[in-house]
Structures are given as structure tokens and as C-alpha cells.
Amino acid sequence: MKSSLRAIALGVLLAAPSLSDSAAKVTYSEKTIHYTVSGRTGQEIYAQIARKGPKLTGQRDHKVATTSMTFDVRGIKAGVSGTRCVVTGLDVHIAFIYRIPKWTGKGSASVRKAWAAFEAHLWRHEKRHRDIALEYARRVERDILRLKGDARRECAGMVEQGKRQATSSQAWHERKQASFDASWFGDGGQQFKYDRALISAK
């Protein structure tokens, strides 16, 4: 898993005084990039994964699969309620890119079965990274919607507040993602069961 927080460009648009049409949303897009592996046995397949799998910045070893994510907070709108500026709308968008192996070889029924289980397991893992990121995005959305500004000062400082709120829980997100990986790959973790099953398939 790899995540990145894009340099966020926030703009405050003063809306009409009515706050009845306030809206906020979290959206996301997904893209899958496959790298191909062949081989007739599970051991041959896994050896190619070890050579061709994606790398993370700053790390030398190849990964089996990765999820990259870019967060974009945009479209912040503010309206006046009494003497206060309040946020009436914003968009939080996440772009996910999955890098996943695709087996193009031919093998026995046991190899095909082991590969199918291995691939499905990879997707469960990467989709959980996605779900954690979406939880984080909803936290960002909630925190920004709670912002208040001074209408008498033309909502001065709202952009800066938004920027701070957008990054304030980034450490929480990173801890949550790291904790998930630790539980998945640590002692007794699920991943090695499927690794071993694939490697031993002939």
C-alpha cells in the first residue's frame, strides 16, 4: 500500500445566505494496472512476482501488489449564518491505482485453483486499503464541515483552516493502514497461507 496527500488547493466561495442546499460528498475513482507473470507451477509464478512486482518509493524489494492513493479536497463553499461563516459544501476525491499480477501462463488444475485463491486474496487486501482511505476521507469531510469563520471579516482564514483540517488526521490514516498491514503480514498473518499454497502448487 502506498498513499500520498496531494498538495491541496482550497478555495472558499461565498454562497447565498440560505444554507438549505448545503452539500458535501466523498467520491473515488479506481484504476488497475496489471503486470504479467507466466510459469507452469506455483513456484515459477511466484519467482516471477518476486522479480516483476511493483516497488514502493524508498524500498528495494518488489511487492506482490500495491494500492496507491491520491487525496484531493476541492470545491469548498461557505455561507453566512448570523455573524459566522460556515462550510456549506465540499468535495473529497480519492484516486486509487492498484498494481496487481496477472497470470498468463498455463498450469494444472491445482495451480489454477491456487492462483484463483491467491488472486482473490490479494484483492481483499487491496480493497481493505481502499476502505480505510474512504473512512479517512469521511473524517476529513466531517472536520471541514465543522469549521467556522467570522462573516464580519469576510470569512478570513477559512482557506487556511481548511488546509489544516485536511491534513490534521493524516497521521491517523497512516497508522490505520500500517496496523492493517501488520495484522495481515505479521506472525500468523493471512497472506502467508496463500503464498505457501501457490508456491507448493504443481
N, C-alpha and C. Protein backbone atom coordinates (compact mmCIF):
# COMPACT_ATOMS: atom_id res chain seq x y z
N MET A 1 0.85 -1.19 0.00
CA MET A 1 0.00 0.00 0.00
C MET A 1 0.88 1.23 0.00
N LYS A 2 0.50 2.19 -0.77
CA LYS A 2 1.19 3.47 -0.80
C LYS A 2 0.15 4.56 -0.87
N SER A 3 0.30 5.58 -0.03
CA SER A 3 -0.64 6.70 -0.09
C SER A 3 0.12 8.00 -0.22
N SER A 4 -0.52 8.97 -0.81
CA SER A 4 0.08 10.29 -0.93
C SER A 4 -0.99 11.33 -0.77
N LEU A 5 -0.67 12.42 -0.10
CA LEU A 5 -1.62 13.50 0.07
C LEU A 5 -1.21 14.62 -0.86
N ARG A 6 -2.00 14.84 -1.88
CA ARG A 6 -1.68 15.85 -2.88
C ARG A 6 -1.63 17.24 -2.23
N ALA A 7 -0.77 18.09 -2.72
CA ALA A 7 -0.78 19.48 -2.28
C ALA A 7 -2.16 20.03 -2.56
N ILE A 8 -2.88 20.38 -1.51
CA ILE A 8 -4.30 20.66 -1.63
C ILE A 8 -4.53 22.13 -1.96
N ALA A 9 -5.29 22.38 -2.99
CA ALA A 9 -5.67 23.73 -3.36
C ALA A 9 -7.12 23.93 -2.93
N LEU A 10 -7.33 24.78 -1.97
CA LEU A 10 -8.66 25.01 -1.44
C LEU A 10 -9.10 26.42 -1.76
N GLY A 11 -10.35 26.56 -2.16
CA GLY A 11 -10.90 27.88 -2.41
C GLY A 11 -12.23 28.01 -1.72
N VAL A 12 -12.50 29.13 -1.13
CA VAL A 12 -13.77 29.37 -0.48
C VAL A 12 -14.62 30.24 -1.38
N LEU A 13 -15.81 29.77 -1.70
CA LEU A 13 -16.76 30.54 -2.49
C LEU A 13 -17.90 30.94 -1.57
N LEU A 14 -18.17 32.22 -1.47
CA LEU A 14 -19.27 32.67 -0.63
C LEU A 14 -20.59 32.40 -1.34
N ALA A 15 -21.38 31.56 -0.74
CA ALA A 15 -22.66 31.20 -1.32
C ALA A 15 -23.73 32.17 -0.85
N ALA A 16 -24.93 31.95 -1.34
CA ALA A 16 -26.06 32.76 -0.89
C ALA A 16 -26.30 32.49 0.59
N PRO A 17 -26.91 33.43 1.31
CA PRO A 17 -27.11 33.24 2.74
C PRO A 17 -27.89 31.98 3.10
N SER A 18 -28.76 31.52 2.26
CA SER A 18 -29.53 30.31 2.57
C SER A 18 -28.61 29.10 2.64
N LEU A 19 -28.75 28.32 3.71
CA LEU A 19 -27.90 27.15 3.89
C LEU A 19 -28.67 25.85 3.63
N SER A 20 -29.84 25.95 3.06
CA SER A 20 -30.67 24.77 2.88
C SER A 20 -30.13 23.81 1.83
N ASP A 21 -29.24 24.32 0.94
CA ASP A 21 -28.74 23.48 -0.13
C ASP A 21 -27.31 23.01 0.13
N SER A 22 -26.91 23.00 1.40
CA SER A 22 -25.54 22.60 1.73
C SER A 22 -25.33 21.15 1.33
N ALA A 23 -24.13 20.85 0.85
CA ALA A 23 -23.84 19.50 0.38
C ALA A 23 -22.36 19.22 0.51
N ALA A 24 -22.04 17.98 0.78
CA ALA A 24 -20.65 17.52 0.81
C ALA A 24 -20.65 16.09 0.30
N LYS A 25 -19.57 15.69 -0.33
CA LYS A 25 -19.53 14.32 -0.84
C LYS A 25 -18.11 13.80 -0.89
N VAL A 26 -18.00 12.51 -0.73
CA VAL A 26 -16.74 11.79 -0.89
C VAL A 26 -16.90 10.91 -2.12
N THR A 27 -16.01 11.07 -3.09
CA THR A 27 -16.05 10.26 -4.30
C THR A 27 -14.69 9.62 -4.52
N TYR A 28 -14.67 8.61 -5.37
CA TYR A 28 -13.39 7.98 -5.68
C TYR A 28 -13.41 7.37 -7.07
N SER A 29 -12.21 7.20 -7.61
CA SER A 29 -12.03 6.52 -8.89
C SER A 29 -11.01 5.41 -8.69
N GLU A 30 -11.10 4.39 -9.53
CA GLU A 30 -10.20 3.24 -9.41
C GLU A 30 -9.62 2.88 -10.78
N LYS A 31 -8.35 2.54 -10.76
CA LYS A 31 -7.67 2.09 -11.98
C LYS A 31 -6.78 0.91 -11.61
N THR A 32 -6.77 -0.10 -12.45
CA THR A 32 -5.95 -1.28 -12.21
C THR A 32 -4.87 -1.39 -13.28
N ILE A 33 -3.65 -1.55 -12.84
CA ILE A 33 -2.52 -1.78 -13.74
C ILE A 33 -2.01 -3.19 -13.46
N HIS A 34 -2.06 -4.05 -14.46
CA HIS A 34 -1.59 -5.42 -14.30
C HIS A 34 -0.14 -5.55 -14.76
N TYR A 35 0.62 -6.34 -14.07
CA TYR A 35 1.91 -6.79 -14.60
C TYR A 35 1.79 -8.30 -14.78
N THR A 36 2.27 -8.78 -15.90
CA THR A 36 2.03 -10.17 -16.27
C THR A 36 3.12 -11.10 -15.74
N VAL A 37 2.69 -12.27 -15.34
CA VAL A 37 3.60 -13.34 -14.93
C VAL A 37 3.13 -14.61 -15.62
N SER A 38 4.07 -15.49 -15.92
CA SER A 38 3.72 -16.76 -16.54
C SER A 38 4.19 -17.90 -15.63
N GLY A 39 4.66 -18.97 -16.21
CA GLY A 39 5.08 -20.11 -15.41
C GLY A 39 4.00 -21.17 -15.36
N ARG A 40 4.44 -22.43 -15.19
CA ARG A 40 3.50 -23.55 -15.16
C ARG A 40 3.25 -24.04 -13.74
N THR A 41 4.16 -23.78 -12.85
CA THR A 41 3.99 -24.19 -11.46
C THR A 41 3.88 -22.95 -10.58
N GLY A 42 3.35 -23.16 -9.38
CA GLY A 42 3.23 -22.05 -8.46
C GLY A 42 4.58 -21.45 -8.11
N GLN A 43 5.57 -22.28 -7.99
CA GLN A 43 6.90 -21.77 -7.66
C GLN A 43 7.45 -20.89 -8.78
N GLU A 44 7.22 -21.28 -10.03
CA GLU A 44 7.67 -20.47 -11.16
C GLU A 44 6.92 -19.13 -11.19
N ILE A 45 5.63 -19.18 -10.93
CA ILE A 45 4.83 -17.94 -10.91
C ILE A 45 5.33 -17.00 -9.81
N TYR A 46 5.54 -17.55 -8.64
CA TYR A 46 5.94 -16.70 -7.52
C TYR A 46 7.33 -16.11 -7.73
N ALA A 47 8.19 -16.86 -8.39
CA ALA A 47 9.54 -16.35 -8.69
C ALA A 47 9.44 -15.14 -9.62
N GLN A 48 8.51 -15.16 -10.57
CA GLN A 48 8.35 -14.01 -11.46
C GLN A 48 7.76 -12.82 -10.71
N ILE A 49 6.84 -13.07 -9.78
CA ILE A 49 6.29 -11.99 -8.97
C ILE A 49 7.42 -11.29 -8.21
N ALA A 50 8.33 -12.09 -7.67
CA ALA A 50 9.44 -11.53 -6.89
C ALA A 50 10.35 -10.66 -7.74
N ARG A 51 10.40 -10.93 -9.06
CA ARG A 51 11.25 -10.15 -9.97
C ARG A 51 10.52 -8.98 -10.60
N LYS A 52 9.22 -9.13 -10.83
CA LYS A 52 8.48 -8.14 -11.63
C LYS A 52 7.48 -7.30 -10.84
N GLY A 53 7.26 -7.64 -9.60
CA GLY A 53 6.26 -6.92 -8.80
C GLY A 53 6.61 -5.46 -8.61
N PRO A 54 5.62 -4.63 -8.28
CA PRO A 54 5.86 -3.19 -8.11
C PRO A 54 6.73 -2.90 -6.90
N LYS A 55 7.40 -1.77 -6.96
CA LYS A 55 8.22 -1.30 -5.84
C LYS A 55 7.61 -0.04 -5.25
N LEU A 56 7.83 0.15 -3.97
CA LEU A 56 7.43 1.38 -3.30
C LEU A 56 8.63 2.30 -3.18
N THR A 57 8.40 3.58 -3.24
CA THR A 57 9.48 4.56 -3.14
C THR A 57 10.29 4.34 -1.88
N GLY A 58 11.62 4.26 -2.05
CA GLY A 58 12.50 4.10 -0.91
C GLY A 58 12.69 2.66 -0.46
N GLN A 59 12.05 1.71 -1.13
CA GLN A 59 12.19 0.31 -0.77
C GLN A 59 12.75 -0.47 -1.95
N ARG A 60 13.64 -1.43 -1.65
CA ARG A 60 14.34 -2.15 -2.71
C ARG A 60 13.59 -3.39 -3.18
N ASP A 61 12.83 -4.01 -2.28
CA ASP A 61 12.19 -5.27 -2.65
C ASP A 61 10.91 -5.03 -3.44
N HIS A 62 10.58 -6.03 -4.24
CA HIS A 62 9.35 -5.98 -5.03
C HIS A 62 8.17 -6.44 -4.17
N LYS A 63 7.03 -5.79 -4.35
CA LYS A 63 5.81 -6.17 -3.67
C LYS A 63 4.97 -7.06 -4.59
N VAL A 64 4.10 -7.82 -4.00
CA VAL A 64 3.18 -8.62 -4.81
C VAL A 64 2.14 -7.72 -5.47
N ALA A 65 1.59 -6.80 -4.68
CA ALA A 65 0.57 -5.87 -5.17
C ALA A 65 0.63 -4.60 -4.34
N THR A 66 0.21 -3.49 -4.92
CA THR A 66 0.18 -2.23 -4.19
C THR A 66 -1.10 -1.46 -4.52
N THR A 67 -1.45 -0.58 -3.61
CA THR A 67 -2.53 0.39 -3.85
C THR A 67 -1.97 1.78 -3.60
N SER A 68 -1.94 2.60 -4.63
CA SER A 68 -1.54 4.00 -4.49
C SER A 68 -2.80 4.84 -4.42
N MET A 69 -2.77 5.89 -3.64
CA MET A 69 -3.96 6.72 -3.50
C MET A 69 -3.58 8.19 -3.39
N THR A 70 -4.35 9.02 -4.05
CA THR A 70 -4.14 10.45 -4.02
C THR A 70 -5.42 11.12 -3.57
N PHE A 71 -5.31 11.96 -2.55
CA PHE A 71 -6.46 12.65 -1.98
C PHE A 71 -6.53 14.07 -2.55
N ASP A 72 -7.73 14.50 -2.86
CA ASP A 72 -7.93 15.84 -3.39
C ASP A 72 -9.17 16.45 -2.72
N VAL A 73 -8.96 17.52 -1.95
CA VAL A 73 -10.06 18.23 -1.30
C VAL A 73 -10.32 19.49 -2.12
N ARG A 74 -11.55 19.65 -2.58
CA ARG A 74 -11.81 20.74 -3.51
C ARG A 74 -13.27 21.22 -3.37
N GLY A 75 -13.55 22.33 -4.00
CA GLY A 75 -14.92 22.82 -4.07
C GLY A 75 -15.51 23.25 -2.75
N ILE A 76 -14.68 23.77 -1.85
CA ILE A 76 -15.24 24.24 -0.58
C ILE A 76 -16.09 25.48 -0.82
N LYS A 77 -17.30 25.45 -0.27
CA LYS A 77 -18.20 26.59 -0.35
C LYS A 77 -18.60 27.02 1.06
N ALA A 78 -18.74 28.33 1.25
CA ALA A 78 -19.11 28.85 2.56
C ALA A 78 -20.34 29.74 2.43
N GLY A 79 -21.12 29.76 3.47
CA GLY A 79 -22.29 30.63 3.54
C GLY A 79 -22.32 31.32 4.89
N VAL A 80 -23.10 32.38 4.98
CA VAL A 80 -23.17 33.17 6.21
C VAL A 80 -24.39 32.76 7.02
N SER A 81 -24.15 32.48 8.28
CA SER A 81 -25.23 32.17 9.22
C SER A 81 -25.06 33.09 10.42
N GLY A 82 -25.88 34.13 10.49
CA GLY A 82 -25.70 35.14 11.55
C GLY A 82 -24.42 35.90 11.33
N THR A 83 -23.55 35.83 12.31
CA THR A 83 -22.25 36.50 12.19
C THR A 83 -21.13 35.51 11.86
N ARG A 84 -21.50 34.30 11.54
CA ARG A 84 -20.50 33.26 11.31
C ARG A 84 -20.51 32.79 9.86
N CYS A 85 -19.33 32.44 9.40
CA CYS A 85 -19.20 31.74 8.13
C CYS A 85 -19.19 30.24 8.43
N VAL A 86 -19.94 29.50 7.67
CA VAL A 86 -19.96 28.04 7.83
C VAL A 86 -19.73 27.41 6.46
N VAL A 87 -19.19 26.21 6.46
CA VAL A 87 -18.95 25.49 5.22
C VAL A 87 -20.26 24.85 4.79
N THR A 88 -20.67 25.10 3.58
CA THR A 88 -21.92 24.55 3.06
C THR A 88 -21.70 23.44 2.03
N GLY A 89 -20.48 23.26 1.59
CA GLY A 89 -20.23 22.20 0.62
C GLY A 89 -18.76 22.00 0.35
N LEU A 90 -18.38 20.80 0.00
CA LEU A 90 -17.02 20.48 -0.43
C LEU A 90 -17.02 19.11 -1.07
N ASP A 91 -15.99 18.82 -1.80
CA ASP A 91 -15.79 17.50 -2.40
C ASP A 91 -14.46 16.95 -1.91
N VAL A 92 -14.47 15.70 -1.50
CA VAL A 92 -13.23 14.99 -1.20
C VAL A 92 -13.15 13.82 -2.17
N HIS A 93 -12.12 13.82 -3.01
CA HIS A 93 -11.98 12.78 -4.04
C HIS A 93 -10.69 12.01 -3.82
N ILE A 94 -10.77 10.70 -3.98
CA ILE A 94 -9.58 9.85 -3.89
C ILE A 94 -9.43 9.09 -5.20
N ALA A 95 -8.24 9.13 -5.76
CA ALA A 95 -7.91 8.35 -6.95
C ALA A 95 -7.05 7.16 -6.52
N PHE A 96 -7.55 5.95 -6.76
CA PHE A 96 -6.83 4.74 -6.40
C PHE A 96 -6.22 4.11 -7.65
N ILE A 97 -4.99 3.64 -7.52
CA ILE A 97 -4.35 2.86 -8.57
C ILE A 97 -3.86 1.56 -7.95
N TYR A 98 -4.38 0.44 -8.47
CA TYR A 98 -3.96 -0.88 -8.00
C TYR A 98 -2.97 -1.47 -8.99
N ARG A 99 -1.92 -2.05 -8.47
CA ARG A 99 -0.96 -2.78 -9.29
C ARG A 99 -1.00 -4.23 -8.84
N ILE A 100 -1.47 -5.08 -9.75
CA ILE A 100 -1.83 -6.46 -9.41
C ILE A 100 -1.22 -7.41 -10.44
N PRO A 101 -0.72 -8.58 -10.03
CA PRO A 101 -0.21 -9.54 -11.02
C PRO A 101 -1.34 -10.20 -11.81
N LYS A 102 -1.04 -10.51 -13.06
CA LYS A 102 -1.98 -11.25 -13.91
C LYS A 102 -1.23 -12.45 -14.49
N TRP A 103 -1.72 -13.61 -14.17
CA TRP A 103 -1.08 -14.83 -14.65
C TRP A 103 -1.55 -15.13 -16.06
N THR A 104 -0.63 -15.25 -16.99
CA THR A 104 -0.96 -15.51 -18.39
C THR A 104 -0.51 -16.89 -18.84
N GLY A 105 0.06 -17.67 -17.93
CA GLY A 105 0.55 -18.99 -18.29
C GLY A 105 -0.53 -20.06 -18.22
N LYS A 106 -0.11 -21.29 -18.38
CA LYS A 106 -1.00 -22.44 -18.29
C LYS A 106 -0.44 -23.39 -17.26
N GLY A 107 -1.35 -24.02 -16.53
CA GLY A 107 -0.91 -24.95 -15.49
C GLY A 107 -1.97 -25.97 -15.17
N SER A 108 -1.67 -26.81 -14.22
CA SER A 108 -2.59 -27.88 -13.82
C SER A 108 -3.80 -27.31 -13.09
N ALA A 109 -4.76 -28.17 -12.83
CA ALA A 109 -5.96 -27.75 -12.10
C ALA A 109 -5.59 -27.24 -10.71
N SER A 110 -4.62 -27.87 -10.06
CA SER A 110 -4.22 -27.44 -8.71
C SER A 110 -3.55 -26.06 -8.76
N VAL A 111 -2.78 -25.80 -9.81
CA VAL A 111 -2.15 -24.48 -9.95
C VAL A 111 -3.22 -23.42 -10.22
N ARG A 112 -4.17 -23.73 -11.08
CA ARG A 112 -5.25 -22.77 -11.38
C ARG A 112 -6.07 -22.47 -10.13
N LYS A 113 -6.34 -23.47 -9.35
CA LYS A 113 -7.11 -23.28 -8.12
C LYS A 113 -6.33 -22.43 -7.12
N ALA A 114 -5.05 -22.74 -6.96
CA ALA A 114 -4.21 -21.97 -6.02
C ALA A 114 -4.08 -20.53 -6.47
N TRP A 115 -3.95 -20.32 -7.80
CA TRP A 115 -3.85 -18.95 -8.31
C TRP A 115 -5.14 -18.17 -8.08
N ALA A 116 -6.27 -18.79 -8.33
CA ALA A 116 -7.56 -18.11 -8.14
C ALA A 116 -7.73 -17.67 -6.68
N ALA A 117 -7.35 -18.54 -5.74
CA ALA A 117 -7.46 -18.19 -4.32
C ALA A 117 -6.47 -17.09 -3.95
N PHE A 118 -5.27 -17.18 -4.51
CA PHE A 118 -4.22 -16.19 -4.25
C PHE A 118 -4.65 -14.82 -4.77
N GLU A 119 -5.15 -14.77 -6.00
CA GLU A 119 -5.55 -13.50 -6.61
C GLU A 119 -6.73 -12.88 -5.86
N ALA A 120 -7.72 -13.69 -5.49
CA ALA A 120 -8.87 -13.18 -4.74
C ALA A 120 -8.43 -12.61 -3.40
N HIS A 121 -7.46 -13.26 -2.80
CA HIS A 121 -6.96 -12.79 -1.50
C HIS A 121 -6.24 -11.45 -1.65
N LEU A 122 -5.48 -11.30 -2.72
CA LEU A 122 -4.83 -10.02 -2.98
C LEU A 122 -5.85 -8.90 -3.09
N TRP A 123 -6.93 -9.16 -3.82
CA TRP A 123 -7.95 -8.13 -3.98
C TRP A 123 -8.63 -7.79 -2.66
N ARG A 124 -8.86 -8.77 -1.81
CA ARG A 124 -9.45 -8.47 -0.50
C ARG A 124 -8.55 -7.53 0.28
N HIS A 125 -7.25 -7.78 0.18
CA HIS A 125 -6.28 -6.94 0.89
C HIS A 125 -6.29 -5.51 0.36
N GLU A 126 -6.18 -5.36 -0.95
CA GLU A 126 -6.09 -4.02 -1.53
C GLU A 126 -7.39 -3.24 -1.35
N LYS A 127 -8.53 -3.92 -1.42
CA LYS A 127 -9.81 -3.23 -1.23
C LYS A 127 -9.98 -2.78 0.22
N ARG A 128 -9.37 -3.49 1.15
CA ARG A 128 -9.42 -3.03 2.54
C ARG A 128 -8.62 -1.74 2.70
N HIS A 129 -7.49 -1.63 2.00
CA HIS A 129 -6.75 -0.36 2.00
C HIS A 129 -7.64 0.76 1.46
N ARG A 130 -8.39 0.47 0.41
CA ARG A 130 -9.32 1.46 -0.14
C ARG A 130 -10.35 1.88 0.91
N ASP A 131 -10.91 0.92 1.60
CA ASP A 131 -11.96 1.23 2.57
C ASP A 131 -11.44 2.08 3.72
N ILE A 132 -10.21 1.81 4.15
CA ILE A 132 -9.60 2.63 5.21
C ILE A 132 -9.43 4.06 4.72
N ALA A 133 -8.99 4.22 3.47
CA ALA A 133 -8.81 5.56 2.90
C ALA A 133 -10.14 6.30 2.81
N LEU A 134 -11.20 5.60 2.46
CA LEU A 134 -12.51 6.24 2.40
C LEU A 134 -12.99 6.66 3.78
N GLU A 135 -12.68 5.85 4.77
CA GLU A 135 -13.02 6.24 6.16
C GLU A 135 -12.28 7.53 6.53
N TYR A 136 -11.02 7.60 6.14
CA TYR A 136 -10.23 8.81 6.39
C TYR A 136 -10.83 10.02 5.66
N ALA A 137 -11.23 9.81 4.41
CA ALA A 137 -11.82 10.90 3.64
C ALA A 137 -13.09 11.42 4.31
N ARG A 138 -13.88 10.53 4.86
CA ARG A 138 -15.10 10.96 5.55
C ARG A 138 -14.78 11.74 6.83
N ARG A 139 -13.67 11.38 7.48
CA ARG A 139 -13.22 12.16 8.64
C ARG A 139 -12.82 13.56 8.22
N VAL A 140 -12.09 13.67 7.11
CA VAL A 140 -11.69 14.98 6.59
C VAL A 140 -12.93 15.80 6.24
N GLU A 141 -13.87 15.18 5.56
CA GLU A 141 -15.11 15.86 5.20
C GLU A 141 -15.82 16.38 6.45
N ARG A 142 -15.99 15.53 7.44
CA ARG A 142 -16.68 15.92 8.67
C ARG A 142 -15.98 17.07 9.38
N ASP A 143 -14.65 16.98 9.46
CA ASP A 143 -13.90 18.01 10.18
C ASP A 143 -13.99 19.36 9.48
N ILE A 144 -13.93 19.36 8.14
CA ILE A 144 -14.02 20.63 7.41
C ILE A 144 -15.42 21.23 7.53
N LEU A 145 -16.44 20.38 7.53
CA LEU A 145 -17.81 20.89 7.66
C LEU A 145 -18.04 21.55 9.03
N ARG A 146 -17.23 21.23 10.00
CA ARG A 146 -17.38 21.82 11.34
C ARG A 146 -16.69 23.18 11.46
N LEU A 147 -15.97 23.60 10.43
CA LEU A 147 -15.23 24.86 10.51
C LEU A 147 -16.19 26.05 10.63
N LYS A 148 -15.72 27.07 11.34
CA LYS A 148 -16.48 28.32 11.49
C LYS A 148 -15.55 29.49 11.20
N GLY A 149 -16.08 30.55 10.61
CA GLY A 149 -15.32 31.76 10.33
C GLY A 149 -16.13 32.98 10.69
N ASP A 150 -15.51 34.13 10.63
CA ASP A 150 -16.16 35.38 11.01
C ASP A 150 -16.66 36.09 9.76
N ALA A 151 -17.98 36.20 9.64
CA ALA A 151 -18.57 36.85 8.46
C ALA A 151 -18.19 38.32 8.38
N ARG A 152 -17.97 38.94 9.53
CA ARG A 152 -17.63 40.36 9.54
C ARG A 152 -16.24 40.60 8.97
N ARG A 153 -15.43 39.57 8.94
CA ARG A 153 -14.09 39.67 8.36
C ARG A 153 -14.07 38.99 6.99
N GLU A 154 -15.25 38.85 6.37
CA GLU A 154 -15.39 38.23 5.05
C GLU A 154 -14.79 36.82 5.04
N CYS A 155 -15.02 36.12 6.14
CA CYS A 155 -14.60 34.72 6.27
C CYS A 155 -13.08 34.55 6.16
N ALA A 156 -12.35 35.55 6.60
CA ALA A 156 -10.89 35.48 6.54
C ALA A 156 -10.39 34.26 7.32
N GLY A 157 -9.42 33.59 6.75
CA GLY A 157 -8.80 32.45 7.41
C GLY A 157 -9.45 31.11 7.14
N MET A 158 -10.58 31.11 6.43
CA MET A 158 -11.26 29.83 6.19
C MET A 158 -10.43 28.88 5.32
N VAL A 159 -9.73 29.43 4.34
CA VAL A 159 -8.89 28.58 3.49
C VAL A 159 -7.80 27.91 4.31
N GLU A 160 -7.14 28.69 5.17
CA GLU A 160 -6.06 28.14 5.99
C GLU A 160 -6.60 27.08 6.95
N GLN A 161 -7.78 27.36 7.52
CA GLN A 161 -8.39 26.36 8.40
C GLN A 161 -8.67 25.07 7.65
N GLY A 162 -9.16 25.21 6.44
CA GLY A 162 -9.45 24.04 5.64
C GLY A 162 -8.21 23.21 5.35
N LYS A 163 -7.12 23.89 5.02
CA LYS A 163 -5.87 23.18 4.76
C LYS A 163 -5.40 22.42 5.99
N ARG A 164 -5.48 23.07 7.15
CA ARG A 164 -5.04 22.40 8.37
C ARG A 164 -5.93 21.20 8.67
N GLN A 165 -7.23 21.35 8.51
CA GLN A 165 -8.13 20.24 8.80
C GLN A 165 -7.93 19.08 7.83
N ALA A 166 -7.61 19.41 6.58
CA ALA A 166 -7.43 18.36 5.57
C ALA A 166 -6.24 17.47 5.88
N THR A 167 -5.27 17.97 6.61
CA THR A 167 -4.07 17.18 6.90
C THR A 167 -3.97 16.76 8.36
N SER A 168 -4.88 17.23 9.22
CA SER A 168 -4.74 17.00 10.66
C SER A 168 -4.87 15.54 11.04
N SER A 169 -5.64 14.77 10.29
CA SER A 169 -5.81 13.36 10.64
C SER A 169 -5.02 12.43 9.72
N GLN A 170 -4.06 12.99 8.99
CA GLN A 170 -3.25 12.15 8.09
C GLN A 170 -2.48 11.10 8.87
N ALA A 171 -1.98 11.47 10.06
CA ALA A 171 -1.23 10.51 10.87
C ALA A 171 -2.13 9.35 11.30
N TRP A 172 -3.39 9.66 11.60
CA TRP A 172 -4.35 8.60 11.94
C TRP A 172 -4.49 7.62 10.77
N HIS A 173 -4.61 8.16 9.58
CA HIS A 173 -4.76 7.32 8.39
C HIS A 173 -3.55 6.42 8.19
N GLU A 174 -2.37 6.98 8.33
CA GLU A 174 -1.15 6.20 8.12
C GLU A 174 -1.02 5.10 9.17
N ARG A 175 -1.38 5.41 10.43
CA ARG A 175 -1.33 4.39 11.48
C ARG A 175 -2.32 3.27 11.20
N LYS A 176 -3.52 3.65 10.75
CA LYS A 176 -4.55 2.66 10.48
C LYS A 176 -4.12 1.72 9.34
N GLN A 177 -3.54 2.30 8.29
CA GLN A 177 -3.08 1.47 7.17
C GLN A 177 -1.93 0.56 7.60
N ALA A 178 -0.99 1.11 8.38
CA ALA A 178 0.16 0.31 8.83
C ALA A 178 -0.29 -0.82 9.76
N SER A 179 -1.26 -0.52 10.62
CA SER A 179 -1.77 -1.54 11.54
C SER A 179 -2.43 -2.68 10.78
N PHE A 180 -3.17 -2.32 9.74
CA PHE A 180 -3.80 -3.36 8.92
C PHE A 180 -2.75 -4.24 8.26
N ASP A 181 -1.74 -3.64 7.66
CA ASP A 181 -0.67 -4.42 7.03
C ASP A 181 0.02 -5.32 8.05
N ALA A 182 0.27 -4.79 9.26
CA ALA A 182 0.95 -5.58 10.29
C ALA A 182 0.13 -6.81 10.68
N SER A 183 -1.19 -6.64 10.77
CA SER A 183 -2.04 -7.77 11.13
C SER A 183 -2.12 -8.79 10.00
N TRP A 184 -1.99 -8.33 8.77
CA TRP A 184 -2.11 -9.20 7.60
C TRP A 184 -0.83 -10.00 7.36
N PHE A 185 0.31 -9.35 7.59
CA PHE A 185 1.58 -9.97 7.26
C PHE A 185 2.38 -10.44 8.48
N GLY A 186 1.92 -10.10 9.68
CA GLY A 186 2.66 -10.48 10.89
C GLY A 186 2.60 -11.96 11.16
N ASP A 187 3.10 -12.36 12.33
CA ASP A 187 3.09 -13.77 12.71
C ASP A 187 1.67 -14.31 12.65
N GLY A 188 1.49 -15.39 11.90
CA GLY A 188 0.16 -15.96 11.76
C GLY A 188 -0.73 -15.20 10.81
N GLY A 189 -0.17 -14.24 10.09
CA GLY A 189 -0.96 -13.44 9.17
C GLY A 189 -1.54 -14.27 8.04
N GLN A 190 -2.59 -13.75 7.41
CA GLN A 190 -3.32 -14.50 6.39
C GLN A 190 -2.53 -14.69 5.10
N GLN A 191 -1.70 -13.71 4.76
CA GLN A 191 -1.08 -13.72 3.44
C GLN A 191 -0.23 -14.96 3.20
N PHE A 192 0.52 -15.38 4.22
CA PHE A 192 1.48 -16.46 4.01
C PHE A 192 0.80 -17.79 3.71
N LYS A 193 -0.42 -17.95 4.18
CA LYS A 193 -1.18 -19.16 3.87
C LYS A 193 -1.37 -19.29 2.36
N TYR A 194 -1.73 -18.20 1.72
CA TYR A 194 -1.97 -18.22 0.28
C TYR A 194 -0.66 -18.23 -0.51
N ASP A 195 0.37 -17.58 0.02
CA ASP A 195 1.69 -17.65 -0.61
C ASP A 195 2.16 -19.10 -0.67
N ARG A 196 2.09 -19.77 0.48
CA ARG A 196 2.58 -21.16 0.55
C ARG A 196 1.77 -22.07 -0.36
N ALA A 197 0.45 -21.85 -0.38
CA ALA A 197 -0.40 -22.70 -1.21
C ALA A 197 -0.05 -22.54 -2.69
N LEU A 198 0.22 -21.31 -3.12
CA LEU A 198 0.59 -21.09 -4.52
C LEU A 198 1.95 -21.69 -4.81
N ILE A 199 2.92 -21.44 -3.97
CA ILE A 199 4.29 -21.92 -4.22
C ILE A 199 4.34 -23.44 -4.30
N SER A 200 3.52 -24.11 -3.50
CA SER A 200 3.55 -25.57 -3.48
C SER A 200 2.71 -26.23 -4.58
N ALA A 201 1.93 -25.42 -5.30
CA ALA A 201 1.05 -25.99 -6.34
C ALA A 201 1.87 -26.44 -7.56
N LYS A 202 1.56 -27.65 -8.04
CA LYS A 202 2.30 -28.19 -9.20
C LYS A 202 1.31 -28.76 -10.22
